[in-house]
Amino acid sequence: MTWQSTKTITHAAGVSACFRQWRATHSYCSQLHGYALQFTITFEAEELDDRQWVVDFGGLKELQAYVRETFDHRLVVAADDPAIEVFRSLEGSGLAKVTVLPEGVGCERFAEHVAKWASAWVSRNRPGARVVAVECREHEGNSALWRAD
């Protein structure tokens, strides 16, 4: 039997990020814009732990803190953004806190980024469990889903 559980860091948590998709040259998405992001992480295990859980929800504070540190009130930019030095100068002048993601930006890449971090965290803290999906939601109408292979 396979067990799954999910943890959602909701829109109400107020994880507000500003970003742009510089490659979207014919879209407003190429300009700075933001959302209160929501993340749903799906964990899976073949066996429950000694408390009969897939993961300890109370033990996920480090994961929630990482999401906040990475996205909350941050200007999130792609490492290959042509304006990267402009964004770094905003941080240097105290006008923004900048997170640079090597994979890129957008819901798809945010979901992937959180999945990689959460997978490493789970492997250290809950042997036998794994991350099988992460959904990043901009709002009720837009989301992206990363799934493990």
Protein backbone atom coordinates (compact mmCIF):
# COMPACT_ATOMS: atom_id res chain seq x y z
CA MET A 1 0.00 0.00 0.00
CA THR A 2 1.15 3.54 -0.72
CA TRP A 3 0.28 6.43 1.56
CA GLN A 4 0.23 10.08 0.62
CA SER A 5 -0.17 13.27 2.61
CA THR A 6 -0.04 16.91 1.61
CA LYS A 7 1.09 20.12 3.21
CA THR A 8 -0.23 23.40 1.82
CA ILE A 9 1.32 26.77 2.47
CA THR A 10 -1.77 28.75 1.54
CA HIS A 11 -2.30 32.13 -0.09
CA ALA A 12 -3.38 33.30 3.37
CA ALA A 13 0.19 32.71 4.60
CA GLY A 14 1.07 35.82 2.61
CA VAL A 15 4.06 34.52 0.68
CA SER A 16 4.11 37.44 -1.75
CA ALA A 17 6.73 37.40 -4.48
CA CYS A 18 7.55 39.74 -7.33
CA PHE A 19 9.09 38.35 -10.50
CA ARG A 20 9.14 38.58 -14.25
CA GLN A 21 9.50 36.11 -17.07
CA TRP A 22 12.01 37.96 -19.21
CA ARG A 23 11.59 35.52 -22.09
CA ALA A 24 7.88 36.38 -22.43
CA THR A 25 8.65 39.29 -24.74
CA HIS A 26 5.09 39.61 -26.05
CA SER A 27 3.38 39.44 -22.67
CA TYR A 28 2.89 41.52 -19.56
CA CYS A 29 4.68 38.69 -17.76
CA SER A 30 7.96 40.16 -19.03
CA GLN A 31 7.41 43.03 -16.60
CA LEU A 32 7.70 42.91 -12.83
CA HIS A 33 4.50 41.61 -11.26
CA GLY A 34 3.61 39.61 -8.21
CA TYR A 35 1.34 37.14 -6.49
CA ALA A 36 0.70 35.71 -3.06
CA LEU A 37 1.98 32.24 -3.90
CA GLN A 38 0.58 28.99 -2.58
CA PHE A 39 2.48 25.71 -2.47
CA THR A 40 1.07 22.23 -1.96
CA ILE A 41 3.68 19.54 -1.37
CA THR A 42 2.63 15.88 -1.70
CA PHE A 43 4.62 13.32 0.27
CA GLU A 44 4.46 9.56 -0.22
CA ALA A 45 5.65 6.48 1.67
CA GLU A 46 5.21 2.75 1.35
CA GLU A 47 5.08 2.46 5.14
CA LEU A 48 3.90 4.85 7.82
CA ASP A 49 6.33 5.90 10.53
CA ASP A 50 6.03 4.76 14.16
CA ARG A 51 3.34 7.42 14.75
CA GLN A 52 1.38 6.18 11.73
CA TRP A 53 2.25 9.23 9.60
CA VAL A 54 3.78 9.75 6.16
CA VAL A 55 5.47 12.91 7.50
CA ASP A 56 5.16 14.84 10.72
CA PHE A 57 3.28 18.03 9.76
CA GLY A 58 4.59 19.70 12.91
CA GLY A 59 8.12 18.93 11.72
CA LEU A 60 7.66 20.88 8.49
CA LYS A 61 8.46 24.28 10.03
CA GLU A 62 11.89 24.23 8.35
CA LEU A 63 10.22 23.70 4.96
CA GLN A 64 7.78 26.54 5.59
CA ALA A 65 10.65 28.79 6.70
CA TYR A 66 12.58 27.97 3.52
CA VAL A 67 9.61 28.88 1.33
CA ARG A 68 9.25 32.19 3.20
CA GLU A 69 12.98 32.98 2.99
CA THR A 70 13.04 32.22 -0.73
CA PHE A 71 9.81 33.87 -1.89
CA ASP A 72 8.15 36.09 0.72
CA HIS A 73 8.53 39.80 -0.04
CA ARG A 74 11.26 38.88 -2.49
CA LEU A 75 12.11 39.90 -6.01
CA VAL A 76 12.69 36.49 -7.60
CA VAL A 77 14.75 36.53 -10.79
CA ALA A 78 16.28 34.03 -13.17
CA ALA A 79 20.04 33.70 -13.03
CA ASP A 80 20.18 34.35 -16.78
CA ASP A 81 17.93 37.43 -16.74
CA PRO A 82 19.64 40.13 -18.84
CA ALA A 83 18.73 42.69 -16.15
CA ILE A 84 20.29 40.68 -13.29
CA GLU A 85 22.73 43.46 -12.42
CA VAL A 86 19.88 45.97 -12.16
CA PHE A 87 18.13 43.66 -9.70
CA ARG A 88 21.33 43.10 -7.73
CA SER A 89 21.77 46.88 -7.52
CA LEU A 90 18.26 47.20 -6.08
CA GLU A 91 19.27 44.77 -3.37
CA GLY A 92 22.57 46.56 -2.83
CA SER A 93 20.74 49.83 -2.30
CA GLY A 94 18.30 48.25 0.14
CA LEU A 95 15.29 48.59 -2.17
CA ALA A 96 14.66 44.86 -2.61
CA LYS A 97 15.54 41.45 -1.29
CA VAL A 98 16.51 39.40 -4.31
CA THR A 99 16.36 35.64 -4.78
CA VAL A 100 18.18 34.34 -7.86
CA LEU A 101 16.99 30.97 -9.12
CA PRO A 102 19.31 29.06 -11.46
CA GLU A 103 16.39 27.15 -13.00
CA GLY A 104 14.40 30.26 -13.93
CA VAL A 105 11.16 31.81 -12.72
CA GLY A 106 7.43 31.17 -13.02
CA CYS A 107 5.10 28.71 -11.30
CA GLU A 108 6.67 25.73 -13.05
CA ARG A 109 10.16 26.63 -11.90
CA PHE A 110 9.01 27.65 -8.41
CA ALA A 111 7.35 24.24 -8.00
CA GLU A 112 10.52 22.51 -9.22
CA HIS A 113 12.71 24.57 -6.89
CA VAL A 114 10.59 23.79 -3.82
CA ALA A 115 10.43 20.12 -4.85
CA LYS A 116 14.22 19.83 -4.99
CA TRP A 117 14.65 21.47 -1.60
CA ALA A 118 11.81 19.48 0.00
CA SER A 119 13.13 16.21 -1.46
CA ALA A 120 16.54 16.79 0.10
CA TRP A 121 14.90 17.72 3.40
CA VAL A 122 12.70 14.59 3.40
CA SER A 123 15.64 12.30 2.63
CA ARG A 124 17.46 13.68 5.71
CA ASN A 125 14.48 13.80 8.06
CA ARG A 126 12.06 11.03 7.09
CA PRO A 127 13.74 7.98 5.58
CA GLY A 128 11.30 6.01 3.46
CA ALA A 129 9.24 9.02 2.43
CA ARG A 130 9.61 11.09 -0.72
CA VAL A 131 8.19 14.15 -2.41
CA VAL A 132 6.07 13.13 -5.39
CA ALA A 133 4.48 16.44 -6.38
CA VAL A 134 4.59 20.16 -5.72
CA GLU A 135 1.95 22.56 -6.97
CA CYS A 136 2.65 26.28 -7.10
CA ARG A 137 -0.47 28.41 -7.43
CA GLU A 138 -0.50 32.11 -8.36
CA HIS A 139 -4.24 32.42 -7.79
CA GLU A 140 -7.38 30.34 -8.21
CA GLY A 141 -6.99 30.24 -11.98
CA ASN A 142 -3.27 29.56 -12.48
CA SER A 143 -1.03 26.86 -11.12
CA ALA A 144 1.76 24.56 -12.21
CA LEU A 145 2.45 21.03 -11.02
CA TRP A 146 5.85 19.38 -10.70
CA ARG A 147 5.80 15.59 -10.43
CA ALA A 148 8.58 13.18 -9.63
CA ASP A 149 9.57 10.85 -12.46
